[in-house]
Amino acid sequence: MAEWSQFPAVIVFVAGLDLLKERGVTYAEFLKKKKGVKSHVKVVEAEEQVHVYHVFHPESEATRLLQNQMSDFINSFRK
């Protein structure tokens, strides 16, 4: 069995109009409840967006925001 204390930080992106949104939210809640999880678990919702909006609308403001949030999350681990 895996050691939950070794689980890395997680950011879960969900789209507000996505039928799978609740699965992403539930996954994040599951991780938050695990005893020993030292990592930070964060959910970011793109309101009024559909599933894979970043693929359908790569030049949109919502996609740029998603890219910036991903970049900030990744860069937060640089030392």
N, C-alpha and C. Protein backbone atom coordinates (compact mmCIF):
# COMPACT_ATOMS: atom_id res chain seq x y z
N MET A 1 0.84 -1.18 0.00
CA MET A 1 0.00 0.00 0.00
C MET A 1 0.88 1.25 0.00
N ALA A 2 0.51 2.20 -0.77
CA ALA A 2 1.30 3.43 -0.92
C ALA A 2 1.24 4.27 0.36
N GLU A 3 2.31 4.97 0.59
CA GLU A 3 2.36 5.91 1.71
C GLU A 3 1.77 7.24 1.26
N TRP A 4 0.66 7.62 1.82
CA TRP A 4 0.01 8.87 1.43
C TRP A 4 0.87 10.08 1.76
N SER A 5 1.73 9.95 2.76
CA SER A 5 2.58 11.08 3.13
C SER A 5 3.58 11.42 2.04
N GLN A 6 3.79 10.49 1.11
CA GLN A 6 4.71 10.73 0.00
C GLN A 6 4.01 11.31 -1.23
N PHE A 7 2.70 11.46 -1.15
CA PHE A 7 1.94 11.94 -2.30
C PHE A 7 2.29 13.40 -2.57
N PRO A 8 2.55 13.75 -3.83
CA PRO A 8 2.95 15.13 -4.14
C PRO A 8 1.77 16.10 -4.11
N ALA A 9 2.09 17.36 -4.18
CA ALA A 9 1.06 18.40 -4.26
C ALA A 9 0.23 18.18 -5.53
N VAL A 10 -1.03 18.55 -5.44
CA VAL A 10 -1.95 18.29 -6.55
C VAL A 10 -2.78 19.54 -6.82
N ILE A 11 -2.96 19.82 -8.10
CA ILE A 11 -3.92 20.85 -8.50
C ILE A 11 -4.87 20.17 -9.48
N VAL A 12 -6.16 20.26 -9.21
CA VAL A 12 -7.17 19.62 -10.04
C VAL A 12 -7.94 20.72 -10.75
N PHE A 13 -7.90 20.70 -12.07
CA PHE A 13 -8.63 21.68 -12.87
C PHE A 13 -9.93 21.05 -13.33
N VAL A 14 -11.03 21.78 -13.13
CA VAL A 14 -12.33 21.33 -13.60
C VAL A 14 -12.99 22.46 -14.37
N ALA A 15 -13.83 22.07 -15.32
CA ALA A 15 -14.59 23.05 -16.10
C ALA A 15 -16.00 23.10 -15.54
N GLY A 16 -16.50 24.30 -15.33
CA GLY A 16 -17.79 24.48 -14.69
C GLY A 16 -18.96 23.81 -15.37
N LEU A 17 -18.94 23.69 -16.69
CA LEU A 17 -20.04 23.08 -17.44
C LEU A 17 -19.74 21.65 -17.86
N ASP A 18 -18.68 21.08 -17.35
CA ASP A 18 -18.25 19.73 -17.71
C ASP A 18 -19.07 18.70 -16.93
N LEU A 19 -19.58 17.69 -17.63
CA LEU A 19 -20.32 16.63 -16.95
C LEU A 19 -19.43 15.85 -15.98
N LEU A 20 -18.12 15.91 -16.17
CA LEU A 20 -17.18 15.20 -15.30
C LEU A 20 -16.64 16.06 -14.16
N LYS A 21 -17.14 17.26 -14.04
CA LYS A 21 -16.65 18.19 -13.01
C LYS A 21 -16.69 17.57 -11.62
N GLU A 22 -17.79 16.94 -11.26
CA GLU A 22 -17.93 16.39 -9.91
C GLU A 22 -16.92 15.29 -9.63
N ARG A 23 -16.50 14.56 -10.66
CA ARG A 23 -15.47 13.54 -10.45
C ARG A 23 -14.16 14.18 -10.04
N GLY A 24 -13.82 15.28 -10.67
CA GLY A 24 -12.59 15.99 -10.31
C GLY A 24 -12.66 16.53 -8.89
N VAL A 25 -13.79 17.11 -8.54
CA VAL A 25 -13.97 17.66 -7.19
C VAL A 25 -13.93 16.53 -6.16
N THR A 26 -14.58 15.41 -6.46
CA THR A 26 -14.58 14.27 -5.55
C THR A 26 -13.18 13.71 -5.37
N TYR A 27 -12.41 13.64 -6.44
CA TYR A 27 -11.02 13.17 -6.36
C TYR A 27 -10.21 14.06 -5.42
N ALA A 28 -10.35 15.36 -5.56
CA ALA A 28 -9.61 16.29 -4.70
C ALA A 28 -10.04 16.13 -3.24
N GLU A 29 -11.33 15.98 -3.00
CA GLU A 29 -11.82 15.78 -1.64
C GLU A 29 -11.29 14.47 -1.05
N PHE A 30 -11.23 13.43 -1.86
CA PHE A 30 -10.67 12.15 -1.42
C PHE A 30 -9.22 12.33 -0.96
N LEU A 31 -8.43 13.03 -1.76
CA LEU A 31 -7.03 13.24 -1.40
C LEU A 31 -6.89 14.06 -0.12
N LYS A 32 -7.73 15.08 0.02
CA LYS A 32 -7.67 15.93 1.22
C LYS A 32 -7.96 15.15 2.50
N LYS A 33 -8.75 14.10 2.40
CA LYS A 33 -9.14 13.33 3.58
C LYS A 33 -8.13 12.25 3.96
N LYS A 34 -7.16 11.98 3.11
CA LYS A 34 -6.21 10.92 3.40
C LYS A 34 -5.28 11.31 4.54
N LYS A 35 -5.25 10.48 5.54
CA LYS A 35 -4.39 10.72 6.70
C LYS A 35 -2.93 10.66 6.26
N GLY A 36 -2.19 11.67 6.66
CA GLY A 36 -0.77 11.69 6.35
C GLY A 36 -0.41 12.41 5.07
N VAL A 37 -1.41 12.87 4.33
CA VAL A 37 -1.10 13.60 3.10
C VAL A 37 -0.52 14.95 3.48
N LYS A 38 0.73 15.14 3.13
CA LYS A 38 1.40 16.40 3.46
C LYS A 38 1.22 17.43 2.36
N SER A 39 0.81 16.95 1.22
CA SER A 39 0.73 17.82 0.06
C SER A 39 -0.46 18.77 0.13
N HIS A 40 -0.35 19.76 -0.67
CA HIS A 40 -1.42 20.73 -0.83
C HIS A 40 -2.32 20.23 -1.96
N VAL A 41 -3.61 20.22 -1.75
CA VAL A 41 -4.57 19.82 -2.77
C VAL A 41 -5.45 21.02 -3.06
N LYS A 42 -5.49 21.42 -4.32
CA LYS A 42 -6.24 22.61 -4.71
C LYS A 42 -7.13 22.29 -5.90
N VAL A 43 -8.35 22.81 -5.89
CA VAL A 43 -9.27 22.68 -7.02
C VAL A 43 -9.44 24.04 -7.65
N VAL A 44 -9.29 24.09 -8.96
CA VAL A 44 -9.49 25.33 -9.71
C VAL A 44 -10.60 25.09 -10.73
N GLU A 45 -11.65 25.89 -10.66
CA GLU A 45 -12.77 25.74 -11.58
C GLU A 45 -12.77 26.86 -12.61
N ALA A 46 -12.89 26.46 -13.86
CA ALA A 46 -13.06 27.41 -14.96
C ALA A 46 -14.56 27.53 -15.20
N GLU A 47 -15.15 28.55 -14.62
CA GLU A 47 -16.60 28.73 -14.72
C GLU A 47 -17.02 28.96 -16.17
N GLU A 48 -18.19 28.46 -16.48
CA GLU A 48 -18.79 28.64 -17.81
C GLU A 48 -17.99 27.99 -18.94
N GLN A 49 -17.14 27.03 -18.60
CA GLN A 49 -16.34 26.34 -19.62
C GLN A 49 -16.80 24.89 -19.72
N VAL A 50 -16.62 24.31 -20.91
CA VAL A 50 -17.00 22.92 -21.16
C VAL A 50 -15.76 22.03 -21.11
N HIS A 51 -16.01 20.72 -21.17
CA HIS A 51 -14.93 19.73 -21.15
C HIS A 51 -13.91 20.04 -22.26
N VAL A 52 -12.67 19.96 -21.93
CA VAL A 52 -11.51 20.23 -22.81
C VAL A 52 -11.62 21.55 -23.59
N TYR A 53 -12.13 22.57 -22.93
CA TYR A 53 -12.26 23.89 -23.56
C TYR A 53 -10.93 24.40 -24.08
N HIS A 54 -9.85 24.04 -23.41
CA HIS A 54 -8.52 24.50 -23.82
C HIS A 54 -8.10 23.90 -25.16
N VAL A 55 -8.70 22.78 -25.54
CA VAL A 55 -8.43 22.17 -26.85
C VAL A 55 -9.29 22.84 -27.92
N PHE A 56 -10.55 23.06 -27.59
CA PHE A 56 -11.48 23.67 -28.55
C PHE A 56 -11.22 25.15 -28.77
N HIS A 57 -10.72 25.83 -27.74
CA HIS A 57 -10.49 27.28 -27.81
C HIS A 57 -9.11 27.62 -27.25
N PRO A 58 -8.05 27.23 -27.97
CA PRO A 58 -6.69 27.41 -27.45
C PRO A 58 -6.26 28.87 -27.28
N GLU A 59 -6.92 29.79 -27.94
CA GLU A 59 -6.54 31.20 -27.85
C GLU A 59 -7.43 31.99 -26.88
N SER A 60 -8.32 31.31 -26.19
CA SER A 60 -9.26 32.02 -25.32
C SER A 60 -8.60 32.52 -24.04
N GLU A 61 -9.24 33.47 -23.42
CA GLU A 61 -8.75 34.01 -22.14
C GLU A 61 -8.77 32.92 -21.07
N ALA A 62 -9.79 32.06 -21.09
CA ALA A 62 -9.87 30.97 -20.11
C ALA A 62 -8.69 30.02 -20.27
N THR A 63 -8.29 29.75 -21.50
CA THR A 63 -7.14 28.87 -21.74
C THR A 63 -5.86 29.53 -21.28
N ARG A 64 -5.71 30.80 -21.54
CA ARG A 64 -4.52 31.52 -21.07
C ARG A 64 -4.44 31.50 -19.55
N LEU A 65 -5.57 31.68 -18.90
CA LEU A 65 -5.60 31.62 -17.44
C LEU A 65 -5.21 30.23 -16.94
N LEU A 66 -5.73 29.19 -17.58
CA LEU A 66 -5.38 27.82 -17.23
C LEU A 66 -3.88 27.59 -17.37
N GLN A 67 -3.31 28.03 -18.47
CA GLN A 67 -1.87 27.88 -18.70
C GLN A 67 -1.06 28.61 -17.65
N ASN A 68 -1.48 29.81 -17.30
CA ASN A 68 -0.77 30.58 -16.27
C ASN A 68 -0.86 29.90 -14.91
N GLN A 69 -2.03 29.37 -14.59
CA GLN A 69 -2.20 28.68 -13.31
C GLN A 69 -1.35 27.41 -13.24
N MET A 70 -1.29 26.68 -14.34
CA MET A 70 -0.43 25.49 -14.39
C MET A 70 1.03 25.87 -14.23
N SER A 71 1.43 26.89 -14.94
CA SER A 71 2.81 27.36 -14.87
C SER A 71 3.17 27.81 -13.46
N ASP A 72 2.30 28.57 -12.83
CA ASP A 72 2.55 29.03 -11.46
C ASP A 72 2.67 27.85 -10.50
N PHE A 73 1.81 26.86 -10.66
CA PHE A 73 1.85 25.68 -9.80
C PHE A 73 3.17 24.93 -9.97
N ILE A 74 3.57 24.69 -11.20
CA ILE A 74 4.83 23.98 -11.46
C ILE A 74 6.01 24.78 -10.96
N ASN A 75 6.01 26.07 -11.24
CA ASN A 75 7.14 26.91 -10.82
C ASN A 75 7.22 27.10 -9.31
N SER A 76 6.14 26.85 -8.60
CA SER A 76 6.17 27.00 -7.14
C SER A 76 7.08 25.96 -6.48
N PHE A 77 7.48 24.94 -7.22
CA PHE A 77 8.36 23.91 -6.68
C PHE A 77 9.82 24.11 -7.04
N ARG A 78 10.09 25.13 -7.82
CA ARG A 78 11.49 25.45 -8.15
C ARG A 78 12.14 26.12 -6.96
N LYS A 79 13.38 25.83 -6.79
CA LYS A 79 14.08 26.43 -5.64
C LYS A 79 15.13 27.40 -6.09
